[in-house]
Amino acid sequence: MAVVMSLRAPGVTPEQYEAVRTAMRWEEHLPEGAVLHVAWFEGGALYVTDVWNTREDFERFFTDRLGSALKEAGVTGKPETSFSPLQRRFVAPGVSGSD
């Protein structure tokens, strides 16, 4: 069942986020099970909302790829994460790509 992953990571900077994104190239090398990724910064924290095919897909991505990239970018601490079952996903017609 698809899940929504919500993450809050206090202290992570936009520069660290971009360093991880650039190093991992997850937009070019899509992680298995990834459906949607949205990220923003507010109040000194990184917020992420993702949709994954399964929670296990995200956990495998974190273990195999993301965890080590975060360490290399100097990200410390453990983010607050939660998972909820996805009820519905809607993408407006004509929406595609990143940015």
N, C-alpha and C. Protein backbone atom coordinates (compact mmCIF):
# COMPACT_ATOMS: atom_id res chain seq x y z
N MET A 1 0.83 -1.17 0.00
CA MET A 1 0.00 0.00 0.00
C MET A 1 0.88 1.24 0.00
N ALA A 2 0.55 2.21 -0.82
CA ALA A 2 1.32 3.46 -0.89
C ALA A 2 1.22 4.22 0.43
N VAL A 3 2.30 4.91 0.78
CA VAL A 3 2.35 5.66 2.03
C VAL A 3 2.84 7.08 1.78
N VAL A 4 2.42 7.96 2.68
CA VAL A 4 2.92 9.33 2.73
C VAL A 4 3.93 9.38 3.87
N MET A 5 5.14 9.83 3.55
CA MET A 5 6.18 9.96 4.54
C MET A 5 6.35 11.46 4.82
N SER A 6 6.21 11.84 6.07
CA SER A 6 6.42 13.23 6.49
C SER A 6 7.69 13.27 7.34
N LEU A 7 8.54 14.25 7.05
CA LEU A 7 9.82 14.34 7.74
C LEU A 7 10.08 15.78 8.14
N ARG A 8 10.62 15.95 9.34
CA ARG A 8 11.09 17.26 9.82
C ARG A 8 12.49 17.04 10.34
N ALA A 9 13.45 17.85 9.84
CA ALA A 9 14.85 17.71 10.23
C ALA A 9 15.38 19.07 10.67
N PRO A 10 15.30 19.38 11.97
CA PRO A 10 15.82 20.66 12.46
C PRO A 10 17.31 20.79 12.19
N GLY A 11 17.73 22.01 11.82
CA GLY A 11 19.15 22.28 11.63
C GLY A 11 19.70 21.98 10.25
N VAL A 12 18.97 21.25 9.43
CA VAL A 12 19.44 20.98 8.07
C VAL A 12 19.29 22.25 7.25
N THR A 13 20.33 22.61 6.53
CA THR A 13 20.33 23.85 5.74
C THR A 13 19.99 23.57 4.28
N PRO A 14 19.54 24.60 3.57
CA PRO A 14 19.32 24.42 2.14
C PRO A 14 20.59 23.96 1.41
N GLU A 15 21.75 24.43 1.86
CA GLU A 15 23.01 24.03 1.22
C GLU A 15 23.27 22.53 1.42
N GLN A 16 23.00 22.03 2.61
CA GLN A 16 23.16 20.59 2.86
C GLN A 16 22.19 19.77 2.01
N TYR A 17 20.95 20.21 1.96
CA TYR A 17 19.95 19.52 1.14
C TYR A 17 20.42 19.45 -0.31
N GLU A 18 20.86 20.57 -0.86
CA GLU A 18 21.31 20.61 -2.25
C GLU A 18 22.55 19.76 -2.46
N ALA A 19 23.46 19.73 -1.49
CA ALA A 19 24.65 18.89 -1.60
C ALA A 19 24.27 17.41 -1.68
N VAL A 20 23.33 16.99 -0.84
CA VAL A 20 22.87 15.60 -0.87
C VAL A 20 22.16 15.30 -2.18
N ARG A 21 21.26 16.18 -2.59
CA ARG A 21 20.51 15.97 -3.84
C ARG A 21 21.45 15.88 -5.04
N THR A 22 22.42 16.76 -5.09
CA THR A 22 23.37 16.77 -6.21
C THR A 22 24.24 15.52 -6.20
N ALA A 23 24.73 15.13 -5.03
CA ALA A 23 25.61 13.96 -4.93
C ALA A 23 24.86 12.67 -5.27
N MET A 24 23.63 12.57 -4.83
CA MET A 24 22.88 11.32 -5.03
C MET A 24 22.21 11.24 -6.40
N ARG A 25 21.90 12.38 -6.95
CA ARG A 25 21.21 12.44 -8.26
C ARG A 25 19.95 11.57 -8.28
N TRP A 26 19.16 11.67 -7.19
CA TRP A 26 17.97 10.82 -7.11
C TRP A 26 16.93 11.15 -8.15
N GLU A 27 16.98 12.34 -8.74
CA GLU A 27 16.04 12.67 -9.81
C GLU A 27 16.40 11.96 -11.11
N GLU A 28 17.70 11.69 -11.31
CA GLU A 28 18.15 10.96 -12.49
C GLU A 28 18.17 9.45 -12.23
N HIS A 29 18.47 9.05 -10.99
CA HIS A 29 18.55 7.64 -10.60
C HIS A 29 17.47 7.40 -9.54
N LEU A 30 16.25 7.34 -10.03
CA LEU A 30 15.07 7.26 -9.17
C LEU A 30 15.13 6.06 -8.24
N PRO A 31 14.96 6.29 -6.94
CA PRO A 31 14.93 5.17 -6.00
C PRO A 31 13.71 4.28 -6.27
N GLU A 32 13.89 2.99 -6.11
CA GLU A 32 12.79 2.06 -6.31
C GLU A 32 11.66 2.39 -5.33
N GLY A 33 10.47 2.54 -5.85
CA GLY A 33 9.30 2.80 -5.01
C GLY A 33 8.99 4.26 -4.78
N ALA A 34 9.85 5.17 -5.20
CA ALA A 34 9.59 6.60 -5.02
C ALA A 34 8.53 7.06 -6.01
N VAL A 35 7.59 7.87 -5.51
CA VAL A 35 6.50 8.38 -6.36
C VAL A 35 6.53 9.90 -6.43
N LEU A 36 6.75 10.56 -5.30
CA LEU A 36 6.66 12.02 -5.23
C LEU A 36 7.55 12.53 -4.12
N HIS A 37 8.20 13.67 -4.34
CA HIS A 37 9.06 14.29 -3.32
C HIS A 37 8.82 15.79 -3.34
N VAL A 38 8.53 16.35 -2.17
CA VAL A 38 8.37 17.80 -2.01
C VAL A 38 9.18 18.20 -0.79
N ALA A 39 9.98 19.28 -0.90
CA ALA A 39 10.81 19.72 0.21
C ALA A 39 10.74 21.23 0.35
N TRP A 40 10.82 21.71 1.61
CA TRP A 40 10.84 23.14 1.88
C TRP A 40 11.51 23.38 3.22
N PHE A 41 11.84 24.65 3.47
CA PHE A 41 12.50 25.05 4.71
C PHE A 41 11.63 26.08 5.41
N GLU A 42 11.55 25.90 6.74
CA GLU A 42 10.77 26.83 7.55
C GLU A 42 11.28 26.74 8.98
N GLY A 43 11.49 27.90 9.60
CA GLY A 43 11.88 27.93 11.00
C GLY A 43 13.12 27.14 11.34
N GLY A 44 14.11 27.14 10.44
CA GLY A 44 15.37 26.46 10.70
C GLY A 44 15.32 24.95 10.56
N ALA A 45 14.32 24.45 9.85
CA ALA A 45 14.20 23.00 9.66
C ALA A 45 13.85 22.68 8.21
N LEU A 46 14.29 21.51 7.79
CA LEU A 46 13.90 20.95 6.50
C LEU A 46 12.63 20.15 6.71
N TYR A 47 11.66 20.34 5.83
CA TYR A 47 10.43 19.55 5.82
C TYR A 47 10.35 18.82 4.50
N VAL A 48 9.95 17.56 4.54
CA VAL A 48 9.81 16.75 3.33
C VAL A 48 8.49 16.00 3.42
N THR A 49 7.78 15.98 2.30
CA THR A 49 6.63 15.09 2.14
C THR A 49 6.91 14.26 0.91
N ASP A 50 6.91 12.95 1.10
CA ASP A 50 7.14 12.01 0.01
C ASP A 50 5.95 11.06 -0.10
N VAL A 51 5.77 10.51 -1.28
CA VAL A 51 4.88 9.37 -1.47
C VAL A 51 5.76 8.23 -1.96
N TRP A 52 5.62 7.08 -1.31
CA TRP A 52 6.37 5.87 -1.64
C TRP A 52 5.38 4.73 -1.87
N ASN A 53 5.75 3.78 -2.70
CA ASN A 53 4.88 2.62 -2.90
C ASN A 53 4.69 1.85 -1.60
N THR A 54 5.76 1.75 -0.80
CA THR A 54 5.68 1.10 0.52
C THR A 54 6.65 1.79 1.47
N ARG A 55 6.40 1.64 2.74
CA ARG A 55 7.32 2.16 3.76
C ARG A 55 8.68 1.48 3.61
N GLU A 56 8.67 0.19 3.29
CA GLU A 56 9.92 -0.56 3.12
C GLU A 56 10.77 0.01 1.99
N ASP A 57 10.13 0.53 0.93
CA ASP A 57 10.90 1.15 -0.16
C ASP A 57 11.69 2.35 0.37
N PHE A 58 11.03 3.20 1.18
CA PHE A 58 11.75 4.35 1.74
C PHE A 58 12.87 3.88 2.67
N GLU A 59 12.57 2.93 3.54
CA GLU A 59 13.57 2.46 4.49
C GLU A 59 14.78 1.86 3.79
N ARG A 60 14.56 1.14 2.70
CA ARG A 60 15.67 0.58 1.92
C ARG A 60 16.48 1.71 1.28
N PHE A 61 15.81 2.71 0.72
CA PHE A 61 16.49 3.87 0.15
C PHE A 61 17.35 4.57 1.20
N PHE A 62 16.79 4.75 2.40
CA PHE A 62 17.55 5.41 3.46
C PHE A 62 18.78 4.59 3.83
N THR A 63 18.60 3.30 4.00
CA THR A 63 19.71 2.42 4.40
C THR A 63 20.78 2.31 3.31
N ASP A 64 20.35 2.13 2.08
CA ASP A 64 21.29 1.88 0.98
C ASP A 64 21.94 3.13 0.41
N ARG A 65 21.26 4.27 0.46
CA ARG A 65 21.78 5.45 -0.23
C ARG A 65 21.76 6.73 0.59
N LEU A 66 20.63 7.06 1.15
CA LEU A 66 20.45 8.39 1.74
C LEU A 66 21.25 8.59 3.03
N GLY A 67 21.26 7.61 3.90
CA GLY A 67 21.94 7.75 5.19
C GLY A 67 23.39 8.16 5.08
N SER A 68 24.14 7.49 4.22
CA SER A 68 25.56 7.83 4.07
C SER A 68 25.75 9.19 3.42
N ALA A 69 24.88 9.55 2.48
CA ALA A 69 24.99 10.86 1.83
C ALA A 69 24.72 11.98 2.83
N LEU A 70 23.79 11.77 3.75
CA LEU A 70 23.52 12.78 4.78
C LEU A 70 24.75 12.98 5.66
N LYS A 71 25.39 11.90 6.05
CA LYS A 71 26.60 12.00 6.88
C LYS A 71 27.69 12.77 6.15
N GLU A 72 27.87 12.46 4.87
CA GLU A 72 28.90 13.15 4.08
C GLU A 72 28.64 14.64 3.98
N ALA A 73 27.37 15.04 3.99
CA ALA A 73 27.01 16.46 3.90
C ALA A 73 27.04 17.14 5.27
N GLY A 74 27.38 16.38 6.32
CA GLY A 74 27.48 16.96 7.64
C GLY A 74 26.16 17.06 8.39
N VAL A 75 25.15 16.34 7.92
CA VAL A 75 23.86 16.35 8.61
C VAL A 75 23.96 15.43 9.82
N THR A 76 23.62 15.97 10.98
CA THR A 76 23.66 15.18 12.21
C THR A 76 22.26 15.11 12.81
N GLY A 77 22.08 14.22 13.75
CA GLY A 77 20.79 14.08 14.39
C GLY A 77 19.86 13.19 13.57
N LYS A 78 18.80 12.80 14.20
CA LYS A 78 17.83 11.93 13.55
C LYS A 78 16.57 12.73 13.24
N PRO A 79 16.11 12.72 11.99
CA PRO A 79 14.90 13.47 11.66
C PRO A 79 13.66 12.82 12.29
N GLU A 80 12.65 13.65 12.49
CA GLU A 80 11.34 13.15 12.93
C GLU A 80 10.60 12.68 11.68
N THR A 81 10.18 11.43 11.66
CA THR A 81 9.45 10.92 10.50
C THR A 81 8.17 10.24 10.94
N SER A 82 7.20 10.27 10.06
CA SER A 82 5.97 9.53 10.27
C SER A 82 5.48 9.01 8.92
N PHE A 83 4.73 7.94 8.97
CA PHE A 83 4.17 7.32 7.76
C PHE A 83 2.67 7.17 7.94
N SER A 84 1.94 7.47 6.88
CA SER A 84 0.48 7.33 6.88
C SER A 84 0.06 6.68 5.57
N PRO A 85 -1.00 5.87 5.61
CA PRO A 85 -1.49 5.29 4.36
C PRO A 85 -1.98 6.39 3.42
N LEU A 86 -1.66 6.26 2.15
CA LEU A 86 -2.12 7.22 1.15
C LEU A 86 -3.58 6.94 0.82
N GLN A 87 -4.41 7.95 0.94
CA GLN A 87 -5.82 7.81 0.57
C GLN A 87 -6.01 8.05 -0.92
N ARG A 88 -5.44 9.15 -1.42
CA ARG A 88 -5.61 9.50 -2.83
C ARG A 88 -4.47 10.40 -3.25
N ARG A 89 -4.09 10.27 -4.51
CA ARG A 89 -3.07 11.13 -5.09
C ARG A 89 -3.66 11.77 -6.34
N PHE A 90 -3.50 13.07 -6.49
CA PHE A 90 -3.96 13.80 -7.66
C PHE A 90 -2.83 14.67 -8.17
N VAL A 91 -2.54 14.60 -9.44
CA VAL A 91 -1.55 15.46 -10.09
C VAL A 91 -2.30 16.24 -11.17
N ALA A 92 -2.24 17.54 -11.10
CA ALA A 92 -2.96 18.37 -12.06
C ALA A 92 -2.49 18.08 -13.48
N PRO A 93 -3.41 18.09 -14.44
CA PRO A 93 -3.03 17.83 -15.83
C PRO A 93 -1.95 18.81 -16.29
N GLY A 94 -0.99 18.29 -17.01
CA GLY A 94 0.09 19.11 -17.54
C GLY A 94 1.27 19.31 -16.60
N VAL A 95 1.15 18.85 -15.36
CA VAL A 95 2.26 18.99 -14.40
C VAL A 95 3.24 17.85 -14.61
N SER A 96 4.50 18.19 -14.77
CA SER A 96 5.54 17.17 -14.92
C SER A 96 6.88 17.76 -14.53
N GLY A 97 7.87 16.89 -14.41
CA GLY A 97 9.22 17.35 -14.16
C GLY A 97 9.46 17.82 -12.74
N SER A 98 10.58 18.49 -12.55
CA SER A 98 10.98 18.96 -11.22
C SER A 98 10.93 20.48 -11.19
N ASP A 99 11.34 20.99 -10.02
CA ASP A 99 11.39 22.43 -9.72
C ASP A 99 10.11 22.86 -9.18
